[in-house]
Amino acid sequence: FLHADNLPVHGHYLRPGGAALVNGSGVAGADGVDADRLATLAGQPRAANLALLGYAAGKGVLFAGPDLFEETIRKNAPAKYLDQNLAAFRAGVDAAR
């Protein structure tokens, strides 16, 4: 997962056939989603990484599906941020579909 501006710098590390997912849109050679906006709408602007993770899980390009990641978020997120973190993650999953 990259910010869209970093794809030209680090894109060569992507294996042939690999998926490039970026926080942004309109980037050649990448699938993008506005994770910053999704996280902000979920009430936690700093959870853009979770929105992007949800997007990747929803696209099916990771080793596990959304349920496993949601379980992990439930176990590890601080209680005061749990609902917002889950909302950001789920927004990413929904955006992938």
PDB file of N, CA and C in Angstrom:
ATOM      1  N   PHE A   1       0.851  -1.168   0.000  1.00  0.00           N
ATOM      2  CA  PHE A   1       0.000   0.000   0.000  1.00  0.00           C
ATOM      3  C   PHE A   1       0.888   1.218   0.000  1.00  0.00           C
ATOM      4  N   LEU A   2       0.558   2.145  -0.825  1.00  0.00           N
ATOM      5  CA  LEU A   2       1.366   3.354  -0.944  1.00  0.00           C
ATOM      6  C   LEU A   2       0.490   4.586  -1.046  1.00  0.00           C
ATOM      7  N   HIS A   3       1.067   5.701  -0.669  1.00  0.00           N
ATOM      8  CA  HIS A   3       0.459   6.962  -1.059  1.00  0.00           C
ATOM      9  C   HIS A   3       0.740   7.087  -2.552  1.00  0.00           C
ATOM     10  N   ALA A   4      -0.180   7.646  -3.290  1.00  0.00           N
ATOM     11  CA  ALA A   4      -0.062   7.701  -4.753  1.00  0.00           C
ATOM     12  C   ALA A   4       1.246   8.333  -5.212  1.00  0.00           C
ATOM     13  N   ASP A   5       1.747   9.323  -4.486  1.00  0.00           N
ATOM     14  CA  ASP A   5       2.993   9.993  -4.873  1.00  0.00           C
ATOM     15  C   ASP A   5       4.211   9.075  -4.795  1.00  0.00           C
ATOM     16  N   ASN A   6       4.117   7.997  -4.025  1.00  0.00           N
ATOM     17  CA  ASN A   6       5.269   7.114  -3.834  1.00  0.00           C
ATOM     18  C   ASN A   6       5.342   5.966  -4.831  1.00  0.00           C
ATOM     19  N   LEU A   7       4.294   5.742  -5.594  1.00  0.00           N
ATOM     20  CA  LEU A   7       4.317   4.624  -6.538  1.00  0.00           C
ATOM     21  C   LEU A   7       5.448   4.732  -7.554  1.00  0.00           C
ATOM     22  N   PRO A   8       5.705   5.906  -8.143  1.00  0.00           N
ATOM     23  CA  PRO A   8       6.826   5.986  -9.088  1.00  0.00           C
ATOM     24  C   PRO A   8       8.184   5.682  -8.442  1.00  0.00           C
ATOM     25  N   VAL A   9       8.304   5.952  -7.154  1.00  0.00           N
ATOM     26  CA  VAL A   9       9.570   5.721  -6.452  1.00  0.00           C
ATOM     27  C   VAL A   9       9.747   4.248  -6.093  1.00  0.00           C
ATOM     28  N   HIS A  10       8.677   3.607  -5.623  1.00  0.00           N
ATOM     29  CA  HIS A  10       8.789   2.244  -5.093  1.00  0.00           C
ATOM     30  C   HIS A  10       8.107   1.181  -5.954  1.00  0.00           C
ATOM     31  N   GLY A  11       7.463   1.584  -7.027  1.00  0.00           N
ATOM     32  CA  GLY A  11       6.711   0.644  -7.852  1.00  0.00           C
ATOM     33  C   GLY A  11       7.537  -0.483  -8.434  1.00  0.00           C
ATOM     34  N   HIS A  12       8.827  -0.256  -8.619  1.00  0.00           N
ATOM     35  CA  HIS A  12       9.670  -1.307  -9.211  1.00  0.00           C
ATOM     36  C   HIS A  12       9.839  -2.514  -8.285  1.00  0.00           C
ATOM     37  N   TYR A  13       9.477  -2.369  -7.009  1.00  0.00           N
ATOM     38  CA  TYR A  13       9.552  -3.500  -6.081  1.00  0.00           C
ATOM     39  C   TYR A  13       8.374  -4.459  -6.242  1.00  0.00           C
ATOM     40  N   LEU A  14       7.369  -4.055  -6.959  1.00  0.00           N
ATOM     41  CA  LEU A  14       6.177  -4.873  -7.146  1.00  0.00           C
ATOM     42  C   LEU A  14       6.503  -6.053  -8.058  1.00  0.00           C
ATOM     43  N   ARG A  15       6.150  -7.231  -7.609  1.00  0.00           N
ATOM     44  CA  ARG A  15       6.428  -8.417  -8.426  1.00  0.00           C
ATOM     45  C   ARG A  15       5.487  -8.446  -9.622  1.00  0.00           C
ATOM     46  N   PRO A  16       5.888  -9.091 -10.696  1.00  0.00           N
ATOM     47  CA  PRO A  16       5.003  -9.200 -11.859  1.00  0.00           C
ATOM     48  C   PRO A  16       3.671  -9.837 -11.450  1.00  0.00           C
ATOM     49  N   GLY A  17       2.600  -9.216 -11.846  1.00  0.00           N
ATOM     50  CA  GLY A  17       1.279  -9.713 -11.493  1.00  0.00           C
ATOM     51  C   GLY A  17       0.793  -9.275 -10.126  1.00  0.00           C
ATOM     52  N   GLY A  18       1.639  -8.555  -9.380  1.00  0.00           N
ATOM     53  CA  GLY A  18       1.251  -8.081  -8.054  1.00  0.00           C
ATOM     54  C   GLY A  18       0.261  -6.935  -8.146  1.00  0.00           C
ATOM     55  N   ALA A  19      -0.385  -6.651  -7.043  1.00  0.00           N
ATOM     56  CA  ALA A  19      -1.389  -5.585  -6.999  1.00  0.00           C
ATOM     57  C   ALA A  19      -0.807  -4.353  -6.327  1.00  0.00           C
ATOM     58  N   ALA A  20      -0.918  -3.228  -6.989  1.00  0.00           N
ATOM     59  CA  ALA A  20      -0.509  -1.947  -6.408  1.00  0.00           C
ATOM     60  C   ALA A  20      -1.768  -1.206  -5.987  1.00  0.00           C
ATOM     61  N   LEU A  21      -1.916  -0.992  -4.697  1.00  0.00           N
ATOM     62  CA  LEU A  21      -3.056  -0.268  -4.153  1.00  0.00           C
ATOM     63  C   LEU A  21      -2.539   1.017  -3.537  1.00  0.00           C
ATOM     64  N   VAL A  22      -3.153   2.126  -3.916  1.00  0.00           N
ATOM     65  CA  VAL A  22      -2.664   3.414  -3.427  1.00  0.00           C
ATOM     66  C   VAL A  22      -3.784   4.223  -2.788  1.00  0.00           C
ATOM     67  N   ASN A  23      -3.364   5.098  -1.893  1.00  0.00           N
ATOM     68  CA  ASN A  23      -4.270   6.062  -1.281  1.00  0.00           C
ATOM     69  C   ASN A  23      -4.345   7.248  -2.229  1.00  0.00           C
ATOM     70  N   GLY A  24      -5.276   7.198  -3.140  1.00  0.00           N
ATOM     71  CA  GLY A  24      -5.424   8.226  -4.159  1.00  0.00           C
ATOM     72  C   GLY A  24      -6.125   7.631  -5.361  1.00  0.00           C
ATOM     73  N   SER A  25      -6.213   8.399  -6.412  1.00  0.00           N
ATOM     74  CA  SER A  25      -6.862   7.886  -7.615  1.00  0.00           C
ATOM     75  C   SER A  25      -6.173   8.437  -8.847  1.00  0.00           C
ATOM     76  N   GLY A  26      -6.464   7.814  -9.968  1.00  0.00           N
ATOM     77  CA  GLY A  26      -5.912   8.276 -11.227  1.00  0.00           C
ATOM     78  C   GLY A  26      -4.431   8.024 -11.392  1.00  0.00           C
ATOM     79  N   VAL A  27      -3.906   6.987 -10.746  1.00  0.00           N
ATOM     80  CA  VAL A  27      -2.487   6.661 -10.839  1.00  0.00           C
ATOM     81  C   VAL A  27      -2.326   5.485 -11.799  1.00  0.00           C
ATOM     82  N   ALA A  28      -1.582   5.690 -12.853  1.00  0.00           N
ATOM     83  CA  ALA A  28      -1.370   4.633 -13.840  1.00  0.00           C
ATOM     84  C   ALA A  28      -0.718   3.421 -13.181  1.00  0.00           C
ATOM     85  N   GLY A  29      -1.236   2.255 -13.471  1.00  0.00           N
ATOM     86  CA  GLY A  29      -0.660   1.019 -12.959  1.00  0.00           C
ATOM     87  C   GLY A  29      -1.060   0.689 -11.537  1.00  0.00           C
ATOM     88  N   ALA A  30      -2.033   1.408 -10.989  1.00  0.00           N
ATOM     89  CA  ALA A  30      -2.432   1.159  -9.604  1.00  0.00           C
ATOM     90  C   ALA A  30      -3.943   1.239  -9.464  1.00  0.00           C
ATOM     91  N   ASP A  31      -4.420   0.563  -8.466  1.00  0.00           N
ATOM     92  CA  ASP A  31      -5.824   0.618  -8.082  1.00  0.00           C
ATOM     93  C   ASP A  31      -5.887   1.537  -6.868  1.00  0.00           C
ATOM     94  N   GLY A  32      -6.653   2.588  -6.950  1.00  0.00           N
ATOM     95  CA  GLY A  32      -6.649   3.558  -5.871  1.00  0.00           C
ATOM     96  C   GLY A  32      -7.995   3.801  -5.234  1.00  0.00           C
ATOM     97  N   VAL A  33      -7.931   4.241  -4.001  1.00  0.00           N
ATOM     98  CA  VAL A  33      -9.106   4.623  -3.230  1.00  0.00           C
ATOM     99  C   VAL A  33      -8.710   5.815  -2.367  1.00  0.00           C
ATOM    100  N   ASP A  34      -9.627   6.723  -2.137  1.00  0.00           N
ATOM    101  CA  ASP A  34      -9.346   7.880  -1.286  1.00  0.00           C
ATOM    102  C   ASP A  34      -9.517   7.468   0.172  1.00  0.00           C
ATOM    103  N   ALA A  35      -8.510   6.808   0.702  1.00  0.00           N
ATOM    104  CA  ALA A  35      -8.552   6.296   2.069  1.00  0.00           C
ATOM    105  C   ALA A  35      -8.609   7.425   3.088  1.00  0.00           C
ATOM    106  N   ASP A  36      -8.005   8.558   2.786  1.00  0.00           N
ATOM    107  CA  ASP A  36      -8.087   9.702   3.702  1.00  0.00           C
ATOM    108  C   ASP A  36      -9.545  10.126   3.885  1.00  0.00           C
ATOM    109  N   ARG A  37     -10.279  10.219   2.796  1.00  0.00           N
ATOM    110  CA  ARG A  37     -11.688  10.617   2.863  1.00  0.00           C
ATOM    111  C   ARG A  37     -12.514   9.575   3.601  1.00  0.00           C
ATOM    112  N   LEU A  38     -12.293   8.299   3.304  1.00  0.00           N
ATOM    113  CA  LEU A  38     -13.044   7.239   3.974  1.00  0.00           C
ATOM    114  C   LEU A  38     -12.818   7.274   5.478  1.00  0.00           C
ATOM    115  N   ALA A  39     -11.575   7.457   5.889  1.00  0.00           N
ATOM    116  CA  ALA A  39     -11.261   7.501   7.317  1.00  0.00           C
ATOM    117  C   ALA A  39     -11.883   8.725   7.981  1.00  0.00           C
ATOM    118  N   THR A  40     -11.833   9.847   7.302  1.00  0.00           N
ATOM    119  CA  THR A  40     -12.425  11.068   7.853  1.00  0.00           C
ATOM    120  C   THR A  40     -13.933  10.901   8.021  1.00  0.00           C
ATOM    121  N   LEU A  41     -14.588  10.334   7.024  1.00  0.00           N
ATOM    122  CA  LEU A  41     -16.030  10.098   7.121  1.00  0.00           C
ATOM    123  C   LEU A  41     -16.367   9.116   8.238  1.00  0.00           C
ATOM    124  N   ALA A  42     -15.436   8.216   8.545  1.00  0.00           N
ATOM    125  CA  ALA A  42     -15.633   7.248   9.627  1.00  0.00           C
ATOM    126  C   ALA A  42     -15.387   7.871  10.999  1.00  0.00           C
ATOM    127  N   GLY A  43     -14.912   9.108  11.016  1.00  0.00           N
ATOM    128  CA  GLY A  43     -14.689   9.796  12.284  1.00  0.00           C
ATOM    129  C   GLY A  43     -13.286   9.697  12.826  1.00  0.00           C
ATOM    130  N   GLN A  44     -12.375   9.110  12.064  1.00  0.00           N
ATOM    131  CA  GLN A  44     -10.996   8.956  12.534  1.00  0.00           C
ATOM    132  C   GLN A  44     -10.041   9.215  11.369  1.00  0.00           C
ATOM    133  N   PRO A  45      -9.718  10.490  11.108  1.00  0.00           N
ATOM    134  CA  PRO A  45      -8.859  10.816   9.962  1.00  0.00           C
ATOM    135  C   PRO A  45      -7.510  10.093   9.968  1.00  0.00           C
ATOM    136  N   ARG A  46      -7.036   9.724  11.143  1.00  0.00           N
ATOM    137  CA  ARG A  46      -5.735   9.045  11.213  1.00  0.00           C
ATOM    138  C   ARG A  46      -5.829   7.551  10.903  1.00  0.00           C
ATOM    139  N   ALA A  47      -7.007   7.059  10.565  1.00  0.00           N
ATOM    140  CA  ALA A  47      -7.190   5.637  10.274  1.00  0.00           C
ATOM    141  C   ALA A  47      -7.196   5.347   8.774  1.00  0.00           C
ATOM    142  N   ALA A  48      -6.572   6.202   7.989  1.00  0.00           N
ATOM    143  CA  ALA A  48      -6.525   5.968   6.542  1.00  0.00           C
ATOM    144  C   ALA A  48      -5.862   4.632   6.225  1.00  0.00           C
ATOM    145  N   ASN A  49      -4.876   4.248   7.034  1.00  0.00           N
ATOM    146  CA  ASN A  49      -4.220   2.961   6.796  1.00  0.00           C
ATOM    147  C   ASN A  49      -5.202   1.804   6.952  1.00  0.00           C
ATOM    148  N   LEU A  50      -6.136   1.924   7.890  1.00  0.00           N
ATOM    149  CA  LEU A  50      -7.131   0.867   8.065  1.00  0.00           C
ATOM    150  C   LEU A  50      -8.142   0.863   6.923  1.00  0.00           C
ATOM    151  N   ALA A  51      -8.477   2.030   6.409  1.00  0.00           N
ATOM    152  CA  ALA A  51      -9.367   2.091   5.245  1.00  0.00           C
ATOM    153  C   ALA A  51      -8.695   1.435   4.041  1.00  0.00           C
ATOM    154  N   LEU A  52      -7.413   1.697   3.857  1.00  0.00           N
ATOM    155  CA  LEU A  52      -6.683   1.095   2.740  1.00  0.00           C
ATOM    156  C   LEU A  52      -6.526  -0.411   2.944  1.00  0.00           C
ATOM    157  N   LEU A  53      -6.298  -0.836   4.182  1.00  0.00           N
ATOM    158  CA  LEU A  53      -6.238  -2.266   4.481  1.00  0.00           C
ATOM    159  C   LEU A  53      -7.579  -2.927   4.160  1.00  0.00           C
ATOM    160  N   GLY A  54      -8.671  -2.280   4.546  1.00  0.00           N
ATOM    161  CA  GLY A  54      -9.995  -2.810   4.230  1.00  0.00           C
ATOM    162  C   GLY A  54     -10.217  -2.917   2.735  1.00  0.00           C
ATOM    163  N   TYR A  55      -9.743  -1.915   2.010  1.00  0.00           N
ATOM    164  CA  TYR A  55      -9.864  -1.928   0.551  1.00  0.00           C
ATOM    165  C   TYR A  55      -9.110  -3.126  -0.031  1.00  0.00           C
ATOM    166  N   ALA A  56      -7.902  -3.351   0.431  1.00  0.00           N
ATOM    167  CA  ALA A  56      -7.103  -4.482  -0.058  1.00  0.00           C
ATOM    168  C   ALA A  56      -7.754  -5.808   0.305  1.00  0.00           C
ATOM    169  N   ALA A  57      -8.249  -5.921   1.533  1.00  0.00           N
ATOM    170  CA  ALA A  57      -8.913  -7.156   1.953  1.00  0.00           C
ATOM    171  C   ALA A  57     -10.175  -7.383   1.133  1.00  0.00           C
ATOM    172  N   GLY A  58     -10.913  -6.316   0.874  1.00  0.00           N
ATOM    173  CA  GLY A  58     -12.130  -6.425   0.077  1.00  0.00           C
ATOM    174  C   GLY A  58     -11.863  -6.804  -1.370  1.00  0.00           C
ATOM    175  N   LYS A  59     -10.712  -6.402  -1.891  1.00  0.00           N
ATOM    176  CA  LYS A  59     -10.320  -6.754  -3.261  1.00  0.00           C
ATOM    177  C   LYS A  59      -9.832  -8.194  -3.359  1.00  0.00           C
ATOM    178  N   GLY A  60      -9.509  -8.802  -2.214  1.00  0.00           N
ATOM    179  CA  GLY A  60      -9.045 -10.186  -2.214  1.00  0.00           C
ATOM    180  C   GLY A  60      -7.594 -10.365  -2.604  1.00  0.00           C
ATOM    181  N   VAL A  61      -6.780  -9.330  -2.409  1.00  0.00           N
ATOM    182  CA  VAL A  61      -5.375  -9.426  -2.814  1.00  0.00           C
ATOM    183  C   VAL A  61      -4.443  -9.739  -1.644  1.00  0.00           C
ATOM    184  N   LEU A  62      -4.996 -10.000  -0.473  1.00  0.00           N
ATOM    185  CA  LEU A  62      -4.176 -10.308   0.695  1.00  0.00           C
ATOM    186  C   LEU A  62      -4.297 -11.784   1.061  1.00  0.00           C
ATOM    187  N   PHE A  63      -3.541 -12.198   2.036  1.00  0.00           N
ATOM    188  CA  PHE A  63      -3.512 -13.596   2.459  1.00  0.00           C
ATOM    189  C   PHE A  63      -4.758 -14.008   3.236  1.00  0.00           C
ATOM    190  N   ALA A  64      -5.578 -13.042   3.637  1.00  0.00           N
ATOM    191  CA  ALA A  64      -6.781 -13.330   4.416  1.00  0.00           C
ATOM    192  C   ALA A  64      -7.875 -12.352   4.013  1.00  0.00           C
ATOM    193  N   GLY A  65      -9.087 -12.713   4.347  1.00  0.00           N
ATOM    194  CA  GLY A  65     -10.219 -11.863   4.021  1.00  0.00           C
ATOM    195  C   GLY A  65     -10.542 -10.872   5.124  1.00  0.00           C
ATOM    196  N   PRO A  66     -11.545 -10.051   4.909  1.00  0.00           N
ATOM    197  CA  PRO A  66     -11.898  -9.002   5.863  1.00  0.00           C
ATOM    198  C   PRO A  66     -12.204  -9.499   7.276  1.00  0.00           C
ATOM    199  N   ASP A  67     -12.800 -10.676   7.405  1.00  0.00           N
ATOM    200  CA  ASP A  67     -13.176 -11.153   8.736  1.00  0.00           C
ATOM    201  C   ASP A  67     -11.979 -11.307   9.665  1.00  0.00           C
ATOM    202  N   LEU A  68     -10.889 -11.857   9.162  1.00  0.00           N
ATOM    203  CA  LEU A  68      -9.704 -12.036  10.000  1.00  0.00           C
ATOM    204  C   LEU A  68      -9.116 -10.692  10.416  1.00  0.00           C
ATOM    205  N   PHE A  69      -9.071  -9.750   9.497  1.00  0.00           N
ATOM    206  CA  PHE A  69      -8.527  -8.436   9.840  1.00  0.00           C
ATOM    207  C   PHE A  69      -9.426  -7.717  10.838  1.00  0.00           C
ATOM    208  N   GLU A  70     -10.732  -7.856  10.676  1.00  0.00           N
ATOM    209  CA  GLU A  70     -11.650  -7.218  11.624  1.00  0.00           C
ATOM    210  C   GLU A  70     -11.468  -7.807  13.023  1.00  0.00           C
ATOM    211  N   GLU A  71     -11.299  -9.105  13.099  1.00  0.00           N
ATOM    212  CA  GLU A  71     -11.050  -9.756  14.391  1.00  0.00           C
ATOM    213  C   GLU A  71      -9.765  -9.216  15.026  1.00  0.00           C
ATOM    214  N   THR A  72      -8.741  -9.043  14.221  1.00  0.00           N
ATOM    215  CA  THR A  72      -7.467  -8.524  14.718  1.00  0.00           C
ATOM    216  C   THR A  72      -7.612  -7.084  15.200  1.00  0.00           C
ATOM    217  N   ILE A  73      -8.358  -6.277  14.469  1.00  0.00           N
ATOM    218  CA  ILE A  73      -8.599  -4.894  14.900  1.00  0.00           C
ATOM    219  C   ILE A  73      -9.332  -4.897  16.237  1.00  0.00           C
ATOM    220  N   ARG A  74     -10.332  -5.749  16.377  1.00  0.00           N
ATOM    221  CA  ARG A  74     -11.086  -5.838  17.639  1.00  0.00           C
ATOM    222  C   ARG A  74     -10.171  -6.186  18.812  1.00  0.00           C
ATOM    223  N   LYS A  75      -9.219  -7.068  18.589  1.00  0.00           N
ATOM    224  CA  LYS A  75      -8.318  -7.508  19.662  1.00  0.00           C
ATOM    225  C   LYS A  75      -7.262  -6.470  20.015  1.00  0.00           C
ATOM    226  N   ASN A  76      -6.885  -5.622  19.064  1.00  0.00           N
ATOM    227  CA  ASN A  76      -5.724  -4.760  19.267  1.00  0.00           C
ATOM    228  C   ASN A  76      -5.998  -3.266  19.355  1.00  0.00           C
ATOM    229  N   ALA A  77      -7.124  -2.815  18.869  1.00  0.00           N
ATOM    230  CA  ALA A  77      -7.396  -1.374  18.880  1.00  0.00           C
ATOM    231  C   ALA A  77      -7.749  -0.916  20.290  1.00  0.00           C
ATOM    232  N   PRO A  78      -7.264   0.252  20.679  1.00  0.00           N
ATOM    233  CA  PRO A  78      -7.686   0.808  21.969  1.00  0.00           C
ATOM    234  C   PRO A  78      -9.210   0.990  21.979  1.00  0.00           C
ATOM    235  N   ALA A  79      -9.835   0.711  23.101  1.00  0.00           N
ATOM    236  CA  ALA A  79     -11.294   0.752  23.204  1.00  0.00           C
ATOM    237  C   ALA A  79     -11.875   2.082  22.733  1.00  0.00           C
ATOM    238  N   LYS A  80     -11.202   3.174  23.040  1.00  0.00           N
ATOM    239  CA  LYS A  80     -11.769   4.480  22.682  1.00  0.00           C
ATOM    240  C   LYS A  80     -11.759   4.741  21.177  1.00  0.00           C
ATOM    241  N   TYR A  81     -10.964   3.970  20.418  1.00  0.00           N
ATOM    242  CA  TYR A  81     -10.901   4.137  18.966  1.00  0.00           C
ATOM    243  C   TYR A  81     -11.517   2.974  18.199  1.00  0.00           C
ATOM    244  N   LEU A  82     -11.973   1.960  18.898  1.00  0.00           N
ATOM    245  CA  LEU A  82     -12.415   0.730  18.234  1.00  0.00           C
ATOM    246  C   LEU A  82     -13.514   0.974  17.203  1.00  0.00           C
ATOM    247  N   ASP A  83     -14.571   1.653  17.586  1.00  0.00           N
ATOM    248  CA  ASP A  83     -15.681   1.851  16.650  1.00  0.00           C
ATOM    249  C   ASP A  83     -15.251   2.620  15.408  1.00  0.00           C
ATOM    250  N   GLN A  84     -14.451   3.658  15.597  1.00  0.00           N
ATOM    251  CA  GLN A  84     -13.990   4.461  14.462  1.00  0.00           C
ATOM    252  C   GLN A  84     -13.031   3.668  13.583  1.00  0.00           C
ATOM    253  N   ASN A  85     -12.147   2.889  14.199  1.00  0.00           N
ATOM    254  CA  ASN A  85     -11.216   2.076  13.414  1.00  0.00           C
ATOM    255  C   ASN A  85     -11.959   1.029  12.593  1.00  0.00           C
ATOM    256  N   LEU A  86     -12.946   0.386  13.214  1.00  0.00           N
ATOM    257  CA  LEU A  86     -13.740  -0.597  12.476  1.00  0.00           C
ATOM    258  C   LEU A  86     -14.529   0.071  11.356  1.00  0.00           C
ATOM    259  N   ALA A  87     -15.053   1.252  11.618  1.00  0.00           N
ATOM    260  CA  ALA A  87     -15.804   1.969  10.581  1.00  0.00           C
ATOM    261  C   ALA A  87     -14.910   2.311   9.397  1.00  0.00           C
ATOM    262  N   ALA A  88     -13.683   2.748   9.661  1.00  0.00           N
ATOM    263  CA  ALA A  88     -12.748   3.067   8.580  1.00  0.00           C
ATOM    264  C   ALA A  88     -12.398   1.807   7.787  1.00  0.00           C
ATOM    265  N   PHE A  89     -12.118   0.717   8.489  1.00  0.00           N
ATOM    266  CA  PHE A  89     -11.799  -0.545   7.828  1.00  0.00           C
ATOM    267  C   PHE A  89     -12.971  -1.003   6.954  1.00  0.00           C
ATOM    268  N   ARG A  90     -14.171  -0.982   7.514  1.00  0.00           N
ATOM    269  CA  ARG A  90     -15.356  -1.431   6.776  1.00  0.00           C
ATOM    270  C   ARG A  90     -15.649  -0.536   5.579  1.00  0.00           C
ATOM    271  N   ALA A  91     -15.370   0.752   5.713  1.00  0.00           N
ATOM    272  CA  ALA A  91     -15.561   1.663   4.577  1.00  0.00           C
ATOM    273  C   ALA A  91     -14.646   1.269   3.424  1.00  0.00           C
ATOM    274  N   GLY A  92     -13.420   0.853   3.747  1.00  0.00           N
ATOM    275  CA  GLY A  92     -12.501   0.380   2.717  1.00  0.00           C
ATOM    276  C   GLY A  92     -12.994  -0.897   2.059  1.00  0.00           C
ATOM    277  N   VAL A  93     -13.484  -1.821   2.876  1.00  0.00           N
ATOM    278  CA  VAL A  93     -14.038  -3.068   2.328  1.00  0.00           C
ATOM    279  C   VAL A  93     -15.203  -2.752   1.398  1.00  0.00           C
ATOM    280  N   ASP A  94     -16.097  -1.891   1.844  1.00  0.00           N
ATOM    281  CA  ASP A  94     -17.263  -1.531   1.024  1.00  0.00           C
ATOM    282  C   ASP A  94     -16.847  -0.862  -0.286  1.00  0.00           C
ATOM    283  N   ALA A  95     -15.831  -0.031  -0.229  1.00  0.00           N
ATOM    284  CA  ALA A  95     -15.359   0.660  -1.436  1.00  0.00           C
ATOM    285  C   ALA A  95     -14.776  -0.320  -2.453  1.00  0.00           C
ATOM    286  N   ALA A  96     -14.285  -1.447  -1.979  1.00  0.00           N
ATOM    287  CA  ALA A  96     -13.689  -2.448  -2.872  1.00  0.00           C
ATOM    288  C   ALA A  96     -14.743  -3.224  -3.646  1.00  0.00           C
ATOM    289  N   ARG A  97     -15.952  -3.201  -3.165  1.00  0.00           N
ATOM    290  CA  ARG A  97     -17.009  -4.029  -3.778  1.00  0.00           C
ATOM    291  C   ARG A  97     -17.808  -3.290  -4.782  1.00  0.00           C
TER     292      ARG A  97
END
